[in-house]
Amino acid sequence: MPTSATPSHSAASATVGMAAPPTAGRSRRWELDALRGLMLVLMLSTHLPTFFALPLGQPFGFVSAAEGFVMLSAYMAGLVYTQRSMKEGIPAMRKAFLRRAMVVYLCQAASLLFLFTVIAWLGMTFDQAAARNLISFYLAHPTTGLWASLLLIYNPPLLDILPIYVMFMLLSPWVLAYGLQHGWRAIAALSGALWVATQFGLSKVLYDWLVAMTGLSVPFRETGSFETFAWQALWIFGLWMGARHAQTPAEKRGEFPRWLVNASIVVAVVFFIWRHLTGQEPFPMGHPINFVFDKWHLGPMRLVDFFALMILVIHFESWLKSHAPRLKWLETMGAASLPVFCAHLVLVLLALALLGETNPGRPMWIDPVMFVGCIVVLYVVARLVLAFESRAPRKKAGSEPADAAGSARASVPPAGPSPSPANPDAPR
């Protein structure tokens, strides 16, 4: 379903992985867990109605946590499910992908139920415009809003990221199977063509066609912020990278040429300085050139910045792993990323329904207490989830790999580059 830009508080990137504790003969990529945990914290900071949202938004340049999460999730999907297909065959890989898609869909359905009941009631009771604006279409058209949201057509702000994960994971087994059997050139060409077409309005054209064919009454702006046909390009790239790493030993993958690393350093430094000189947008609001940096369409300059950062993280991976401090609490949160993400949604929605948007008139102590308190709650959720899973009966070896979108449950080679930097989501 094509998606469009929506007003404030659209969902940031989300990791959608159900983590599990390491088992005998298996190892976790702790650095990937730490990246997910960091992005979850930064995502929380941009969505909570506090004064932390603006300064912590896009601190590394004109990129957000969304790019990092999509890339990381697709990388893990390609890595883990390629391993599964090599071990058990492509049909087993497809079934595992579809099971993960169902898990994510059920999380989305539960989040929608919470939004349409508890948050709707609190927003009306406390008369908070921030909460009402999130579900304005649902309040005006509850029946249409309910069935359209369950069909992933109507995607309220803050709940518009899981639907694209569901769609990507439903498509991924067929893409991965084709790539493994026939190569990736045709897939890359089609993916690139869709991304280019999206920059010229493909989503709106397809939406108008769907309305003409079906009489769909959900406005284009209510279908979600993320342009699915643009973001699939990043997912396909990550899927390919994960599949390649599953098939190629680390010592045979080669290194980036020096000129590319140097160019990436220049790009990353320039965009970092530019972002902190001008704010969240490179040019004044309304300037047409901002479109090439646009998040929702995954503009070309945003991709340049993201890939520069990704190249640097991969190139300097060994140095970063040996010198960066290990924050176990971030690893814990990243290891339980799907439940932590859903808990983050609950906390943010409750804050908007009870306190409303950021208010400079609030006592100064409220925002830091709320921010730190929410981090503690998310950490507790992660600990409880991991403790529960550690006590659950162990599946037979090979019965369930890591999830398609971020868990490091299955056998993951300890060597080799990690896929992407941790970048916080831009505030709305």
Protein backbone atom coordinates (compact mmCIF):
# COMPACT_ATOMS: atom_id res chain seq x y z
CA MET A 1 0.00 0.00 0.00
CA PRO A 2 1.49 3.38 -0.90
CA THR A 3 2.18 5.68 1.97
CA SER A 4 2.47 9.40 2.37
CA ALA A 5 3.73 12.01 4.76
CA THR A 6 1.64 12.60 7.83
CA PRO A 7 1.74 15.19 10.58
CA SER A 8 3.67 15.04 13.80
CA HIS A 9 4.51 11.94 15.77
CA SER A 10 4.72 9.48 12.92
CA ALA A 11 6.40 6.28 13.96
CA ALA A 12 10.10 6.21 14.00
CA SER A 13 12.08 3.33 13.00
CA ALA A 14 11.39 0.25 14.96
CA THR A 15 13.20 -2.90 15.45
CA VAL A 16 10.87 -5.81 15.20
CA GLY A 17 12.90 -8.66 16.58
CA MET A 18 11.85 -11.09 19.29
CA ALA A 19 15.16 -11.81 21.02
CA ALA A 20 16.18 -15.01 22.74
CA PRO A 21 19.07 -15.88 25.02
CA PRO A 22 22.14 -17.50 23.51
CA THR A 23 22.11 -21.27 23.41
CA ALA A 24 24.85 -23.83 23.28
CA GLY A 25 26.90 -23.51 20.15
CA ARG A 26 25.40 -20.16 19.30
CA SER A 27 26.66 -16.65 19.84
CA ARG A 28 25.02 -13.26 19.90
CA ARG A 29 26.34 -10.24 18.12
CA TRP A 30 26.50 -8.01 21.19
CA GLU A 31 27.35 -4.96 19.10
CA LEU A 32 24.13 -5.37 17.10
CA ASP A 33 22.12 -5.64 20.31
CA ALA A 34 23.83 -2.49 21.57
CA LEU A 35 23.01 -0.64 18.35
CA ARG A 36 19.36 -1.62 18.61
CA GLY A 37 19.26 -0.62 22.26
CA LEU A 38 20.81 2.77 21.50
CA MET A 39 18.36 3.40 18.69
CA LEU A 40 15.44 2.47 20.93
CA VAL A 41 16.57 5.04 23.50
CA LEU A 42 17.07 7.71 20.86
CA MET A 43 13.70 6.88 19.35
CA LEU A 44 12.09 7.24 22.76
CA SER A 45 13.77 10.61 23.19
CA THR A 46 12.33 11.95 19.94
CA HIS A 47 8.80 10.65 20.53
CA LEU A 48 8.28 11.57 24.16
CA PRO A 49 6.83 15.08 24.53
CA THR A 50 9.93 16.49 26.27
CA PHE A 51 12.61 19.06 25.49
CA PHE A 52 14.99 16.20 24.61
CA ALA A 53 13.28 15.66 21.25
CA LEU A 54 14.95 18.42 19.23
CA PRO A 55 18.57 18.20 20.44
CA LEU A 56 18.65 14.40 20.15
CA GLY A 57 17.05 14.29 16.71
CA GLN A 58 19.39 13.24 13.89
CA PRO A 59 22.61 13.98 15.79
CA PHE A 60 24.88 12.28 13.21
CA GLY A 61 23.68 14.16 10.14
CA PHE A 62 20.58 14.14 7.96
CA VAL A 63 19.79 10.52 8.79
CA SER A 64 17.53 8.94 11.37
CA ALA A 65 17.18 5.71 13.29
CA ALA A 66 14.72 4.54 10.66
CA GLU A 67 17.46 3.99 8.12
CA GLY A 68 19.60 2.13 10.62
CA PHE A 69 16.80 -0.10 11.80
CA VAL A 70 15.54 -1.03 8.36
CA MET A 71 19.05 -1.80 7.17
CA LEU A 72 19.95 -3.76 10.31
CA SER A 73 16.69 -5.70 10.28
CA ALA A 74 17.05 -6.61 6.61
CA TYR A 75 20.69 -7.60 7.12
CA MET A 76 19.76 -9.97 9.94
CA ALA A 77 16.90 -11.37 7.84
CA GLY A 78 19.21 -12.06 4.92
CA LEU A 79 21.92 -13.53 7.15
CA VAL A 80 19.76 -15.78 9.30
CA TYR A 81 17.28 -17.00 6.73
CA THR A 82 19.96 -17.69 4.17
CA GLN A 83 21.60 -19.88 6.79
CA ARG A 84 18.28 -21.59 7.35
CA SER A 85 17.66 -22.18 3.65
CA MET A 86 21.16 -23.67 3.30
CA LYS A 87 20.49 -26.00 6.21
CA GLU A 88 16.82 -26.93 5.84
CA GLY A 89 15.80 -25.74 2.39
CA ILE A 90 13.90 -22.81 0.95
CA PRO A 91 10.40 -24.03 2.01
CA ALA A 92 11.48 -24.01 5.67
CA MET A 93 12.93 -20.53 5.22
CA ARG A 94 9.65 -19.27 3.77
CA LYS A 95 7.61 -20.71 6.63
CA ALA A 96 9.88 -19.10 9.20
CA PHE A 97 9.59 -15.71 7.48
CA LEU A 98 5.80 -15.95 7.43
CA ARG A 99 5.71 -16.85 11.12
CA ARG A 100 7.73 -13.76 11.96
CA ALA A 101 5.48 -11.60 9.82
CA MET A 102 2.48 -12.91 11.75
CA VAL A 103 4.14 -12.07 15.09
CA VAL A 104 4.79 -8.49 13.97
CA TYR A 105 1.24 -8.18 12.61
CA LEU A 106 -0.21 -9.28 15.95
CA CYS A 107 1.92 -6.66 17.69
CA GLN A 108 0.54 -4.03 15.33
CA ALA A 109 -3.04 -5.19 15.94
CA ALA A 110 -2.52 -5.05 19.73
CA SER A 111 -1.05 -1.55 19.44
CA LEU A 112 -4.02 -0.40 17.39
CA LEU A 113 -6.43 -1.82 19.96
CA PHE A 114 -4.62 0.06 22.72
CA LEU A 115 -4.68 3.28 20.70
CA PHE A 116 -8.35 3.04 19.76
CA THR A 117 -9.53 2.22 23.29
CA VAL A 118 -7.32 3.34 26.17
CA ILE A 119 -5.63 6.27 24.45
CA ALA A 120 -8.85 7.44 22.80
CA TRP A 121 -10.63 7.43 26.18
CA LEU A 122 -7.76 9.18 27.99
CA GLY A 123 -7.38 11.76 25.23
CA MET A 124 -11.06 12.65 25.40
CA THR A 125 -11.15 12.57 29.20
CA PHE A 126 -8.14 14.86 29.62
CA ASP A 127 -8.97 16.86 26.49
CA GLN A 128 -5.52 16.46 24.96
CA ALA A 129 -5.33 17.63 21.36
CA ALA A 130 -2.11 15.64 20.84
CA ALA A 131 -3.91 12.34 21.46
CA ARG A 132 -6.99 13.32 19.47
CA ASN A 133 -4.86 14.32 16.48
CA LEU A 134 -3.28 10.88 16.39
CA ILE A 135 -6.65 9.24 15.78
CA SER A 136 -8.64 12.04 14.16
CA PHE A 137 -9.62 9.84 11.21
CA TYR A 138 -10.63 6.97 13.48
CA LEU A 139 -12.75 9.27 15.65
CA ALA A 140 -14.54 10.56 12.56
CA HIS A 141 -14.89 7.16 10.87
CA PRO A 142 -14.49 4.42 13.50
CA THR A 143 -15.74 1.51 11.39
CA THR A 144 -13.61 2.35 8.36
CA GLY A 145 -10.69 3.19 10.61
CA LEU A 146 -10.87 -0.20 12.34
CA TRP A 147 -11.04 -2.47 9.29
CA ALA A 148 -8.65 -0.34 7.23
CA SER A 149 -6.05 -0.32 10.01
CA LEU A 150 -6.27 -4.10 10.40
CA LEU A 151 -5.68 -4.38 6.66
CA LEU A 152 -2.64 -2.09 7.04
CA ILE A 153 -4.20 0.60 4.86
CA TYR A 154 -4.95 3.18 7.54
CA ASN A 155 -1.79 3.71 9.59
CA PRO A 156 -2.06 6.32 12.35
CA PRO A 157 1.02 8.34 13.26
CA LEU A 158 3.41 6.44 15.55
CA LEU A 159 1.91 3.15 14.34
CA ASP A 160 3.03 3.34 10.72
CA ILE A 161 6.36 1.50 10.87
CA LEU A 162 5.32 -2.04 11.79
CA PRO A 163 3.04 -2.28 8.72
CA ILE A 164 5.97 -1.80 6.34
CA TYR A 165 7.92 -4.47 8.23
CA VAL A 166 5.01 -6.86 7.80
CA MET A 167 4.90 -6.17 4.06
CA PHE A 168 8.66 -6.49 3.67
CA MET A 169 8.74 -9.78 5.56
CA LEU A 170 5.87 -11.20 3.52
CA LEU A 171 7.76 -10.34 0.34
CA SER A 172 11.25 -11.27 1.55
CA PRO A 173 11.10 -15.10 1.30
CA TRP A 174 10.31 -14.90 -2.40
CA VAL A 175 12.94 -12.21 -3.02
CA LEU A 176 15.57 -14.09 -1.03
CA ALA A 177 14.78 -17.39 -2.73
CA TYR A 178 15.09 -15.78 -6.18
CA GLY A 179 18.33 -14.05 -5.21
CA LEU A 180 19.87 -17.24 -3.88
CA GLN A 181 18.88 -19.23 -6.95
CA HIS A 182 19.26 -16.71 -9.79
CA GLY A 183 21.38 -13.86 -8.49
CA TRP A 184 20.52 -10.33 -7.38
CA ARG A 185 20.94 -8.20 -10.50
CA ALA A 186 17.32 -8.29 -11.62
CA ILE A 187 16.14 -7.69 -8.06
CA ALA A 188 18.48 -4.72 -7.66
CA ALA A 189 17.36 -3.24 -10.97
CA LEU A 190 13.66 -3.50 -10.10
CA SER A 191 14.24 -2.18 -6.58
CA GLY A 192 16.21 0.79 -7.87
CA ALA A 193 13.55 1.55 -10.49
CA LEU A 194 10.82 1.56 -7.82
CA TRP A 195 12.89 3.91 -5.64
CA VAL A 196 13.41 6.32 -8.55
CA ALA A 197 9.73 6.19 -9.51
CA THR A 198 8.75 6.98 -5.91
CA GLN A 199 10.75 10.21 -6.07
CA PHE A 200 8.40 11.24 -8.88
CA GLY A 201 5.11 10.35 -7.18
CA LEU A 202 4.61 6.62 -7.74
CA SER A 203 2.82 6.13 -4.41
CA LYS A 204 0.23 8.82 -5.13
CA VAL A 205 -0.40 7.45 -8.62
CA LEU A 206 -1.01 3.95 -7.24
CA TYR A 207 -3.20 5.35 -4.46
CA ASP A 208 -5.35 7.26 -6.96
CA TRP A 209 -5.69 4.10 -9.05
CA LEU A 210 -6.75 2.10 -5.99
CA VAL A 211 -9.34 4.73 -5.06
CA ALA A 212 -10.74 4.71 -8.60
CA MET A 213 -10.97 0.90 -8.58
CA THR A 214 -12.34 0.36 -5.07
CA GLY A 215 -13.76 3.65 -3.81
CA LEU A 216 -11.37 3.58 -0.85
CA SER A 217 -12.32 6.35 1.59
CA VAL A 218 -9.06 6.50 3.57
CA PRO A 219 -7.24 9.75 2.70
CA PHE A 220 -3.74 9.44 1.29
CA ARG A 221 -2.25 11.29 4.27
CA GLU A 222 -3.69 8.63 6.60
CA THR A 223 -1.90 5.72 4.91
CA GLY A 224 1.33 6.42 6.79
CA SER A 225 4.43 8.53 6.51
CA PHE A 226 6.88 6.02 5.06
CA GLU A 227 6.90 5.68 1.27
CA THR A 228 6.96 1.91 1.09
CA PHE A 229 8.21 1.79 -2.50
CA ALA A 230 11.19 3.95 -1.57
CA TRP A 231 12.10 2.22 1.67
CA GLN A 232 12.04 -1.20 0.03
CA ALA A 233 15.33 -0.25 -1.66
CA LEU A 234 17.11 -0.06 1.69
CA TRP A 235 15.49 -3.32 2.81
CA ILE A 236 16.53 -5.12 -0.39
CA PHE A 237 20.10 -3.86 -0.02
CA GLY A 238 20.26 -5.11 3.57
CA LEU A 239 18.72 -8.43 2.59
CA TRP A 240 21.38 -8.87 -0.10
CA MET A 241 24.20 -7.95 2.27
CA GLY A 242 23.00 -10.43 4.90
CA ALA A 243 22.67 -13.21 2.31
CA ARG A 244 26.14 -12.47 0.97
CA HIS A 245 27.69 -12.58 4.42
CA ALA A 246 25.95 -15.88 5.14
CA GLN A 247 27.54 -17.39 2.04
CA THR A 248 30.96 -15.71 2.11
CA PRO A 249 33.56 -16.17 4.86
CA ALA A 250 34.61 -12.92 6.51
CA GLU A 251 38.18 -13.18 5.28
CA LYS A 252 36.99 -13.31 1.64
CA ARG A 253 34.69 -10.29 1.72
CA GLY A 254 37.40 -7.76 0.93
CA GLU A 255 37.75 -4.20 2.15
CA PHE A 256 36.51 -0.83 0.98
CA PRO A 257 39.01 1.06 -1.20
CA ARG A 258 40.82 3.87 0.58
CA TRP A 259 39.32 6.55 -1.66
CA LEU A 260 35.80 5.44 -0.70
CA VAL A 261 36.60 5.52 3.01
CA ASN A 262 38.14 8.99 2.66
CA ALA A 263 35.15 10.23 0.68
CA SER A 264 32.81 8.82 3.33
CA ILE A 265 34.72 10.67 6.04
CA VAL A 266 34.31 13.94 4.14
CA VAL A 267 30.60 13.36 3.54
CA ALA A 268 29.94 12.36 7.16
CA VAL A 269 31.82 15.35 8.60
CA VAL A 270 30.23 17.87 6.23
CA PHE A 271 26.71 16.59 6.86
CA PHE A 272 27.30 16.41 10.62
CA ILE A 273 28.43 20.04 10.78
CA TRP A 274 25.68 21.13 8.38
CA ARG A 275 22.98 19.44 10.45
CA HIS A 276 24.10 21.13 13.67
CA LEU A 277 24.42 24.53 12.01
CA THR A 278 21.02 24.56 10.29
CA GLY A 279 18.86 22.26 12.42
CA GLN A 280 16.71 19.32 11.34
CA GLU A 281 16.45 20.49 7.73
CA PRO A 282 19.39 21.58 5.57
CA PHE A 283 17.55 24.59 4.17
CA PRO A 284 14.77 26.82 5.52
CA MET A 285 11.37 25.17 5.81
CA GLY A 286 9.61 25.04 2.47
CA HIS A 287 12.78 25.20 0.37
CA PRO A 288 12.39 22.80 -2.59
CA ILE A 289 15.90 21.35 -2.21
CA ASN A 290 14.86 19.87 1.14
CA PHE A 291 13.07 17.21 -0.89
CA VAL A 292 16.33 15.48 -1.82
CA PHE A 293 17.01 15.12 1.93
CA ASP A 294 13.45 13.98 2.67
CA LYS A 295 13.07 11.12 5.11
CA TRP A 296 9.70 9.77 4.03
CA HIS A 297 10.68 9.47 0.35
CA LEU A 298 14.21 8.38 1.34
CA GLY A 299 15.72 11.20 -0.68
CA PRO A 300 19.03 10.70 -2.53
CA MET A 301 21.13 12.97 -0.31
CA ARG A 302 19.82 11.19 2.76
CA LEU A 303 20.98 7.92 1.24
CA VAL A 304 24.41 9.42 0.51
CA ASP A 305 24.75 10.45 4.16
CA PHE A 306 23.53 7.11 5.44
CA PHE A 307 25.80 5.00 3.27
CA ALA A 308 28.79 7.17 4.17
CA LEU A 309 28.12 6.49 7.85
CA MET A 310 27.53 2.80 7.18
CA ILE A 311 30.83 2.46 5.32
CA LEU A 312 32.68 4.10 8.19
CA VAL A 313 31.07 1.88 10.81
CA ILE A 314 31.95 -1.24 8.80
CA HIS A 315 35.49 -0.07 8.05
CA PHE A 316 36.25 0.86 11.66
CA GLU A 317 34.26 -1.98 13.21
CA SER A 318 37.19 -3.68 14.90
CA TRP A 319 38.46 -0.42 16.40
CA LEU A 320 34.99 0.53 17.63
CA LYS A 321 34.41 -2.88 19.22
CA SER A 322 37.72 -2.76 21.07
CA HIS A 323 37.53 0.87 22.24
CA ALA A 324 33.84 1.69 22.68
CA PRO A 325 32.51 0.93 26.17
CA ARG A 326 30.05 -1.95 26.44
CA LEU A 327 26.80 -0.76 27.97
CA LYS A 328 25.08 -3.95 29.01
CA TRP A 329 21.77 -2.22 29.65
CA LEU A 330 21.64 -1.15 26.00
CA GLU A 331 22.48 -4.69 24.90
CA THR A 332 19.67 -6.02 27.09
CA MET A 333 17.15 -3.62 25.57
CA GLY A 334 18.33 -4.41 22.05
CA ALA A 335 18.10 -8.15 22.69
CA ALA A 336 14.39 -7.77 23.49
CA SER A 337 13.74 -5.22 20.80
CA LEU A 338 10.18 -6.02 19.71
CA PRO A 339 8.60 -5.97 23.18
CA VAL A 340 10.71 -2.94 24.08
CA PHE A 341 9.52 -1.13 20.98
CA CYS A 342 5.90 -1.94 21.77
CA ALA A 343 6.41 -0.79 25.38
CA HIS A 344 7.93 2.43 24.02
CA LEU A 345 4.76 3.00 22.01
CA VAL A 346 2.61 2.49 25.10
CA LEU A 347 4.67 4.97 27.13
CA VAL A 348 4.71 7.62 24.41
CA LEU A 349 0.98 7.31 23.77
CA LEU A 350 0.22 7.55 27.49
CA ALA A 351 2.42 10.64 27.79
CA LEU A 352 0.65 12.32 24.89
CA ALA A 353 -2.78 11.43 26.26
CA LEU A 354 -2.02 12.57 29.82
CA LEU A 355 0.42 15.47 29.33
CA GLY A 356 -0.01 16.51 25.72
CA GLU A 357 2.71 18.04 23.55
CA THR A 358 5.94 19.50 24.89
CA ASN A 359 5.09 22.49 27.05
CA PRO A 360 7.76 24.99 28.10
CA GLY A 361 5.44 26.02 30.92
CA ARG A 362 5.84 22.66 32.66
CA PRO A 363 8.19 22.47 35.67
CA MET A 364 11.71 21.73 34.43
CA TRP A 365 12.05 18.55 36.46
CA ILE A 366 9.15 16.75 34.77
CA ASP A 367 10.83 16.13 31.41
CA PRO A 368 14.08 14.54 32.66
CA VAL A 369 12.20 12.47 35.25
CA MET A 370 9.78 11.24 32.59
CA PHE A 371 12.61 10.46 30.15
CA VAL A 372 14.76 8.56 32.64
CA GLY A 373 11.73 6.82 34.13
CA CYS A 374 10.66 5.56 30.70
CA ILE A 375 14.15 4.21 30.01
CA VAL A 376 14.03 2.32 33.30
CA VAL A 377 10.62 0.89 32.41
CA LEU A 378 11.89 -0.27 29.01
CA TYR A 379 14.92 -1.89 30.61
CA VAL A 380 12.69 -3.73 33.10
CA VAL A 381 10.50 -4.92 30.22
CA ALA A 382 13.59 -6.25 28.44
CA ARG A 383 14.84 -8.06 31.54
CA LEU A 384 11.45 -9.66 32.15
CA VAL A 385 11.14 -10.80 28.53
CA LEU A 386 14.62 -12.30 28.47
CA ALA A 387 14.08 -13.98 31.83
CA PHE A 388 10.82 -15.50 30.59
CA GLU A 389 12.44 -16.75 27.39
CA SER A 390 15.37 -18.22 29.27
CA ARG A 391 12.93 -20.35 31.28
CA ALA A 392 10.86 -21.37 28.28
CA PRO A 393 11.39 -24.90 26.96
CA ARG A 394 14.24 -24.89 24.48
CA LYS A 395 13.27 -25.72 20.94
CA LYS A 396 15.02 -28.47 19.14
CA ALA A 397 18.16 -27.29 17.40
CA GLY A 398 17.33 -25.54 14.17
CA SER A 399 13.60 -25.34 14.85
CA GLU A 400 13.46 -21.55 14.85
CA PRO A 401 16.10 -19.12 13.63
CA ALA A 402 16.56 -15.53 14.58
CA ASP A 403 13.64 -13.39 13.61
CA ALA A 404 13.56 -11.73 10.26
CA ALA A 405 13.95 -8.25 11.53
CA GLY A 406 16.66 -7.98 14.03
CA SER A 407 17.09 -10.77 16.54
CA ALA A 408 20.50 -12.36 16.82
CA ARG A 409 19.05 -15.69 17.99
CA ALA A 410 20.48 -17.98 15.37
CA SER A 411 24.07 -18.80 14.69
CA VAL A 412 25.72 -15.56 13.66
CA PRO A 413 29.37 -15.47 12.66
CA PRO A 414 31.31 -13.44 15.21
CA ALA A 415 33.52 -12.00 12.50
CA GLY A 416 32.52 -9.60 9.78
CA PRO A 417 31.17 -6.08 9.73
CA SER A 418 28.06 -4.91 11.44
CA PRO A 419 25.60 -3.42 9.00
CA SER A 420 24.75 0.11 10.04
CA PRO A 421 25.31 2.95 12.46
CA ALA A 422 22.88 3.85 15.17
CA ASN A 423 21.14 7.02 14.17
CA PRO A 424 18.25 8.56 16.08
CA ASP A 425 15.01 9.31 14.46
CA ALA A 426 14.25 12.85 13.40
CA PRO A 427 11.69 14.52 15.63
CA ARG A 428 8.40 15.40 14.05
